[in-house]
N, C-alpha and C. Protein backbone atom coordinates (compact mmCIF):
# COMPACT_ATOMS: atom_id res chain seq x y z
N GLN A 1 8.93 11.82 -14.91
CA GLN A 1 7.88 11.92 -14.27
C GLN A 1 7.41 10.38 -13.65
N VAL A 2 7.07 10.35 -12.43
CA VAL A 2 6.64 8.89 -11.20
C VAL A 2 5.22 9.48 -11.38
N GLN A 3 4.78 8.35 -12.29
CA GLN A 3 3.08 7.71 -11.75
C GLN A 3 2.72 6.14 -11.32
N LEU A 4 1.28 6.41 -10.71
CA LEU A 4 1.26 5.16 -10.12
C LEU A 4 -0.40 4.91 -10.28
N ALA A 5 -0.86 3.38 -10.75
CA ALA A 5 -1.67 2.98 -10.96
C ALA A 5 -2.23 1.82 -9.85
N GLU A 6 -3.32 2.03 -8.69
CA GLU A 6 -3.65 0.90 -8.17
C GLU A 6 -4.44 0.40 -8.55
N SER A 7 -4.44 -1.36 -8.43
CA SER A 7 -5.47 -2.03 -8.90
C SER A 7 -6.14 -3.35 -7.87
N GLY A 8 -7.06 -3.22 -8.07
CA GLY A 8 -7.39 -5.04 -6.97
C GLY A 8 -7.93 -4.59 -5.48
N GLY A 9 -8.43 -3.58 -5.43
CA GLY A 9 -9.76 -2.97 -4.21
C GLY A 9 -11.00 -4.02 -4.63
N GLY A 10 -11.88 -3.64 -3.86
CA GLY A 10 -12.92 -4.44 -3.55
C GLY A 10 -13.72 -4.71 -2.63
N SER A 11 -14.78 -5.51 -2.57
CA SER A 11 -15.65 -6.33 -1.01
C SER A 11 -15.19 -7.20 -0.55
N VAL A 12 -14.82 -7.73 0.54
CA VAL A 12 -14.87 -9.17 1.17
C VAL A 12 -15.82 -9.48 2.17
N GLN A 13 -15.48 -10.14 2.66
CA GLN A 13 -15.95 -11.01 4.09
C GLN A 13 -15.05 -10.74 4.76
N ALA A 14 -15.08 -10.82 6.12
CA ALA A 14 -14.35 -11.00 7.48
C ALA A 14 -13.70 -12.35 6.82
N GLY A 15 -12.26 -12.28 7.07
CA GLY A 15 -11.48 -12.82 7.35
C GLY A 15 -10.77 -13.95 5.46
N GLY A 16 -12.21 -13.02 4.61
CA GLY A 16 -11.32 -13.35 3.66
C GLY A 16 -9.53 -12.25 3.34
N SER A 17 -9.49 -12.30 1.85
CA SER A 17 -8.17 -12.12 1.58
C SER A 17 -8.66 -11.00 0.18
N LEU A 18 -7.58 -10.07 -0.20
CA LEU A 18 -7.20 -9.54 -1.90
C LEU A 18 -6.11 -9.23 -1.66
N ARG A 19 -5.31 -8.80 -3.05
CA ARG A 19 -4.34 -8.50 -3.52
C ARG A 19 -4.11 -7.48 -4.06
N LEU A 20 -3.79 -6.01 -3.60
CA LEU A 20 -3.70 -4.76 -4.30
C LEU A 20 -2.29 -5.12 -5.22
N ALA A 21 -2.20 -4.19 -6.30
CA ALA A 21 -1.24 -3.61 -7.42
C ALA A 21 -0.92 -2.14 -7.13
N CYS A 22 0.68 -1.82 -7.46
CA CYS A 22 0.42 -0.71 -8.27
C CYS A 22 2.00 -0.80 -9.18
N SER A 23 1.22 -0.28 -10.32
CA SER A 23 1.70 -0.52 -11.35
C SER A 23 2.55 1.27 -11.06
N VAL A 24 3.86 1.49 -11.39
CA VAL A 24 4.98 2.15 -11.16
C VAL A 24 5.66 3.06 -12.88
N THR A 25 5.75 4.11 -12.88
CA THR A 25 5.91 4.54 -14.03
C THR A 25 7.00 5.38 -13.61
N GLY A 26 8.60 5.41 -13.93
CA GLY A 26 9.56 6.52 -13.55
C GLY A 26 10.10 5.67 -11.86
N ARG A 27 11.20 6.26 -12.05
CA ARG A 27 12.36 5.29 -11.03
C ARG A 27 11.73 6.24 -9.51
N THR A 28 12.19 5.31 -9.07
CA THR A 28 11.69 5.62 -7.33
C THR A 28 12.38 4.95 -6.04
N PHE A 29 12.83 5.02 -4.78
CA PHE A 29 13.80 4.23 -3.74
C PHE A 29 12.76 3.50 -3.09
N SER A 30 11.60 4.06 -2.85
CA SER A 30 10.75 3.42 -2.02
C SER A 30 9.38 3.16 -1.99
N MET A 31 8.30 2.31 -1.82
CA MET A 31 7.16 2.65 -2.02
C MET A 31 6.56 2.40 -0.86
N GLY A 32 5.29 2.94 -0.98
CA GLY A 32 4.50 2.47 0.70
C GLY A 32 2.96 2.17 -0.26
N TRP A 33 2.24 1.29 0.85
CA TRP A 33 0.64 1.81 0.98
C TRP A 33 -0.30 2.35 2.29
N PHE A 34 -0.99 3.02 2.05
CA PHE A 34 -1.75 4.05 2.61
C PHE A 34 -2.87 3.82 2.98
N ARG A 35 -3.82 4.44 4.22
CA ARG A 35 -4.65 3.67 3.75
C ARG A 35 -5.80 4.75 4.58
N GLN A 36 -6.84 5.57 4.18
CA GLN A 36 -7.90 6.37 4.78
C GLN A 36 -9.36 6.50 4.58
N VAL A 37 -9.66 6.74 5.86
CA VAL A 37 -11.34 6.63 6.03
C VAL A 37 -12.28 8.10 6.37
N PRO A 38 -13.08 8.06 5.42
CA PRO A 38 -13.18 9.79 5.31
C PRO A 38 -13.16 10.24 7.60
N GLY A 39 -12.93 11.73 7.48
CA GLY A 39 -12.83 12.25 8.06
C GLY A 39 -11.28 11.75 9.58
N LYS A 40 -10.72 10.78 9.12
CA LYS A 40 -9.48 10.13 9.62
C LYS A 40 -8.40 11.24 9.02
N GLU A 41 -7.07 11.05 9.62
CA GLU A 41 -6.15 11.40 8.98
C GLU A 41 -4.98 9.92 8.09
N ARG A 42 -4.93 9.97 6.47
CA ARG A 42 -3.79 9.00 6.32
C ARG A 42 -3.13 8.27 7.02
N GLU A 43 -3.41 6.78 6.70
CA GLU A 43 -2.81 5.73 7.73
C GLU A 43 -1.45 5.14 6.57
N PHE A 44 -0.55 5.19 7.33
CA PHE A 44 0.95 4.18 7.05
C PHE A 44 0.52 2.72 7.48
N VAL A 45 0.73 1.86 6.09
CA VAL A 45 0.08 0.17 6.10
C VAL A 45 1.51 -0.03 6.20
N ALA A 46 2.28 -0.28 5.00
CA ALA A 46 3.42 -0.75 4.71
C ALA A 46 4.45 -0.14 3.83
N ALA A 47 5.66 -0.64 3.63
CA ALA A 47 6.05 0.03 3.13
C ALA A 47 7.38 -0.58 2.01
N ILE A 48 8.41 -0.25 1.16
CA ILE A 48 9.56 -1.74 0.88
C ILE A 48 10.20 -0.47 -0.08
N VAL A 49 11.11 -1.09 0.08
CA VAL A 49 12.35 -0.83 -1.02
C VAL A 49 12.67 -1.60 -2.24
N TRP A 50 12.81 -0.28 -3.01
CA TRP A 50 13.00 -1.70 -4.33
C TRP A 50 14.35 -2.64 -4.09
N THR A 51 15.67 -1.84 -4.51
CA THR A 51 16.27 -3.01 -4.09
C THR A 51 17.00 -3.36 -2.59
N GLY A 52 17.39 -4.32 -2.54
CA GLY A 52 17.37 -5.27 -1.53
C GLY A 52 16.13 -5.77 -0.99
N GLY A 53 14.62 -4.85 -1.24
CA GLY A 53 13.83 -5.51 -0.58
C GLY A 53 12.73 -5.44 0.85
N SER A 54 13.79 -4.17 1.99
CA SER A 54 13.33 -4.18 3.15
C SER A 54 12.29 -3.73 3.24
N THR A 55 11.17 -3.57 4.47
CA THR A 55 9.81 -3.46 4.50
C THR A 55 9.59 -2.94 5.52
N SER A 56 8.93 -2.60 5.72
CA SER A 56 8.46 -1.66 7.26
C SER A 56 6.65 -2.00 7.00
N TYR A 57 6.07 -2.64 8.49
CA TYR A 57 4.79 -2.47 8.68
C TYR A 57 4.20 -1.50 9.95
N SER A 58 3.00 -1.51 9.67
CA SER A 58 2.18 -0.81 10.70
C SER A 58 1.87 -2.01 12.32
N ASP A 59 1.69 -1.36 12.72
CA ASP A 59 1.33 -2.84 14.17
C ASP A 59 -0.05 -3.43 14.04
N SER A 60 -0.46 -2.35 13.07
CA SER A 60 -2.26 -3.01 12.61
C SER A 60 -2.58 -4.26 11.97
N VAL A 61 -1.10 -4.27 10.86
CA VAL A 61 -1.74 -5.14 9.91
C VAL A 61 -0.48 -6.25 9.73
N LYS A 62 0.73 -5.60 11.06
CA LYS A 62 1.43 -6.98 10.91
C LYS A 62 1.10 -8.10 11.16
N GLY A 63 1.61 -8.99 10.59
CA GLY A 63 1.41 -10.20 10.05
C GLY A 63 0.01 -10.69 9.81
N ARG A 64 -0.38 -10.03 8.71
CA ARG A 64 -1.65 -10.41 8.79
C ARG A 64 -1.79 -9.71 6.98
N PHE A 65 -0.87 -9.16 6.28
CA PHE A 65 -0.19 -7.94 5.07
C PHE A 65 0.89 -8.17 4.80
N THR A 66 1.45 -8.39 3.52
CA THR A 66 2.47 -8.35 2.90
C THR A 66 2.28 -7.27 2.26
N ILE A 67 3.41 -6.51 2.05
CA ILE A 67 4.07 -5.83 0.97
C ILE A 67 5.06 -6.47 -0.18
N SER A 68 5.23 -6.21 -1.24
CA SER A 68 5.88 -6.95 -2.03
C SER A 68 6.51 -5.86 -3.22
N ARG A 69 7.78 -6.15 -4.11
CA ARG A 69 7.27 -5.71 -4.96
C ARG A 69 8.14 -6.99 -6.40
N ASP A 70 8.65 -6.21 -7.74
CA ASP A 70 7.73 -7.27 -8.39
C ASP A 70 9.26 -6.00 -9.36
N ASN A 71 10.15 -6.28 -9.03
CA ASN A 71 11.74 -5.32 -10.08
C ASN A 71 10.90 -5.53 -11.82
N ALA A 72 11.07 -6.48 -12.10
CA ALA A 72 10.71 -6.17 -13.16
C ALA A 72 9.86 -5.78 -13.93
N LYS A 73 8.32 -6.10 -13.05
CA LYS A 73 6.98 -5.55 -14.10
C LYS A 73 7.06 -3.92 -13.63
N ASN A 74 8.01 -3.45 -12.38
CA ASN A 74 8.36 -1.92 -12.28
C ASN A 74 6.52 -2.80 -11.40
N THR A 75 5.82 -3.38 -10.21
CA THR A 75 4.41 -2.93 -9.52
C THR A 75 5.27 -3.69 -8.31
N VAL A 76 3.99 -2.58 -7.48
CA VAL A 76 4.79 -3.17 -6.05
C VAL A 76 3.06 -3.62 -5.60
N TYR A 77 2.81 -5.08 -4.20
CA TYR A 77 1.82 -5.40 -4.12
C TYR A 77 2.02 -5.25 -2.89
N LEU A 78 0.23 -5.54 -2.39
CA LEU A 78 0.01 -5.78 -0.68
C LEU A 78 -1.25 -6.65 -0.65
N GLN A 79 -0.46 -7.82 0.19
CA GLN A 79 -1.27 -9.22 -0.21
C GLN A 79 -1.84 -8.70 0.89
N MET A 80 -3.37 -9.14 1.58
CA MET A 80 -3.99 -8.48 3.11
C MET A 80 -4.57 -10.04 2.82
N THR A 81 -4.84 -10.08 4.32
CA THR A 81 -5.54 -11.74 4.56
C THR A 81 -6.03 -11.16 6.11
N SER A 82 -6.57 -12.47 5.91
CA SER A 82 -7.54 -12.29 7.78
C SER A 82 -7.95 -10.58 7.61
N LEU A 83 -8.82 -10.33 6.47
CA LEU A 83 -8.84 -8.74 6.57
C LEU A 83 -10.04 -8.60 7.85
N LYS A 84 -10.20 -7.45 8.49
CA LYS A 84 -11.37 -7.51 9.20
C LYS A 84 -12.05 -6.21 8.52
N PRO A 85 -13.59 -5.94 9.33
CA PRO A 85 -14.06 -4.79 9.06
C PRO A 85 -13.18 -3.58 9.35
N GLU A 86 -12.33 -2.94 9.93
CA GLU A 86 -11.38 -1.76 9.90
C GLU A 86 -10.77 -2.14 9.70
N ASP A 87 -10.56 -2.50 8.57
CA ASP A 87 -9.21 -2.92 7.41
C ASP A 87 -10.07 -1.94 6.45
N THR A 88 -11.63 -1.27 6.21
CA THR A 88 -12.35 -0.94 5.12
C THR A 88 -11.67 0.49 5.28
N ALA A 89 -11.32 0.82 3.81
CA ALA A 89 -10.60 2.71 3.76
C ALA A 89 -10.56 2.28 2.36
N VAL A 90 -9.90 3.97 2.21
CA VAL A 90 -9.49 3.63 0.63
C VAL A 90 -7.51 3.47 0.76
N TYR A 91 -7.43 3.13 -0.10
CA TYR A 91 -5.99 2.60 0.16
C TYR A 91 -5.30 2.87 -0.79
N TYR A 92 -3.82 3.93 -0.34
CA TYR A 92 -3.39 4.63 -1.85
C TYR A 92 -1.49 4.25 -1.69
N CYS A 93 -1.09 4.66 -2.40
CA CYS A 93 0.27 3.76 -3.58
C CYS A 93 0.80 4.87 -3.81
N ALA A 94 2.28 4.84 -2.29
CA ALA A 94 2.70 6.24 -2.64
C ALA A 94 4.12 5.94 -2.89
N ALA A 95 4.87 6.88 -4.23
CA ALA A 95 6.38 6.95 -3.98
C ALA A 95 6.68 7.59 -3.38
N ARG A 96 8.15 7.20 -3.00
CA ARG A 96 8.94 8.27 -2.36
C ARG A 96 10.59 7.59 -3.25
N ILE A 97 10.89 9.23 -3.79
CA ILE A 97 12.01 9.39 -5.08
C ILE A 97 13.85 9.07 -4.65
N HIS A 98 13.83 9.76 -2.98
CA HIS A 98 14.83 9.80 -2.49
C HIS A 98 15.17 8.69 -1.71
N ARG A 99 15.95 8.31 -1.44
CA ARG A 99 16.55 7.04 -0.27
C ARG A 99 16.11 7.09 1.19
N GLY A 100 15.06 6.41 1.85
CA GLY A 100 14.63 6.26 2.99
C GLY A 100 13.32 5.23 2.60
N LEU A 101 12.97 4.80 3.90
CA LEU A 101 11.87 3.76 3.93
C LEU A 101 11.17 4.95 5.20
N PHE A 102 10.01 5.13 5.07
CA PHE A 102 9.40 6.29 6.43
C PHE A 102 8.19 5.81 6.20
N ALA A 103 7.09 5.70 7.50
CA ALA A 103 6.07 5.90 7.57
C ALA A 103 4.94 6.88 7.24
N SER A 104 5.29 8.67 7.70
CA SER A 104 4.91 9.70 7.73
C SER A 104 4.62 10.01 5.76
N PRO A 105 3.42 10.11 5.67
CA PRO A 105 3.27 10.62 4.46
C PRO A 105 3.47 11.78 3.57
N ARG A 106 4.02 12.45 4.62
CA ARG A 106 4.87 13.94 4.09
C ARG A 106 6.16 13.73 3.75
N ASN A 107 6.45 11.78 3.49
CA ASN A 107 8.30 11.89 2.94
C ASN A 107 8.02 11.51 1.45
N TYR A 108 6.84 11.01 1.21
CA TYR A 108 6.58 10.11 -0.17
C TYR A 108 6.25 11.89 -1.19
N ASP A 109 6.80 11.49 -2.22
CA ASP A 109 6.84 12.55 -3.57
C ASP A 109 5.06 12.07 -4.84
N ASN A 110 4.67 11.46 -4.85
CA ASN A 110 3.59 11.19 -5.64
C ASN A 110 2.47 9.39 -5.09
N TRP A 111 1.77 10.33 -5.23
CA TRP A 111 0.06 9.18 -5.10
C TRP A 111 -0.22 8.32 -6.10
N GLY A 112 -0.65 7.50 -6.19
CA GLY A 112 -2.41 6.97 -6.93
C GLY A 112 -3.65 7.53 -6.77
N GLN A 113 -4.37 7.07 -7.35
CA GLN A 113 -5.43 7.78 -6.71
C GLN A 113 -7.23 6.86 -5.84
N GLY A 114 -6.26 5.88 -5.16
CA GLY A 114 -6.63 5.48 -4.38
C GLY A 114 -7.59 3.97 -5.07
N THR A 115 -7.61 3.21 -4.33
CA THR A 115 -8.78 2.21 -4.54
C THR A 115 -9.86 1.69 -3.43
N GLN A 116 -10.77 1.61 -3.16
CA GLN A 116 -11.56 1.43 -1.77
C GLN A 116 -11.41 -0.68 -1.65
N VAL A 117 -11.13 -0.24 -0.79
CA VAL A 117 -11.33 -1.79 0.06
C VAL A 117 -12.75 -2.24 1.05
N THR A 118 -13.54 -3.01 0.96
CA THR A 118 -14.46 -2.98 2.01
C THR A 118 -14.59 -3.81 2.63
N VAL A 119 -14.44 -4.34 4.08
CA VAL A 119 -14.99 -5.53 4.73
C VAL A 119 -15.71 -6.05 5.26
N SER A 120 -16.88 -6.81 5.41
CA SER A 120 -18.17 -6.32 5.85
C SER A 120 -17.72 -7.79 6.85
N SER A 121 -18.91 -7.84 8.06
CA SER A 121 -18.66 -8.70 9.16
C SER A 121 -19.89 -9.57 8.70
């Protein structure tokens, strides 16, 4: 059974950085980070494949955020730099069991509890 646990959220001023971590228990093929603000749909941020490290990013974070994984630690990271107030959201880690690298939350099987990221101007 897959279990996910996020950590690393918090508050930061615009232009600052944060690193989120997602500890994974169980076997998965790929991992994603999503974010959500009240009243809006869950939004894709980035995704990565465990084997080979292929990645995908949303246009809104490309060049500012970096997704990475540590296979030995079964942990996926989201390094966020040049943060903007519009990056404020609850960030969720998601796992996909089967092959594929997707941006839609419907393609992910398991979700973490979420961690709040707040960026002030």
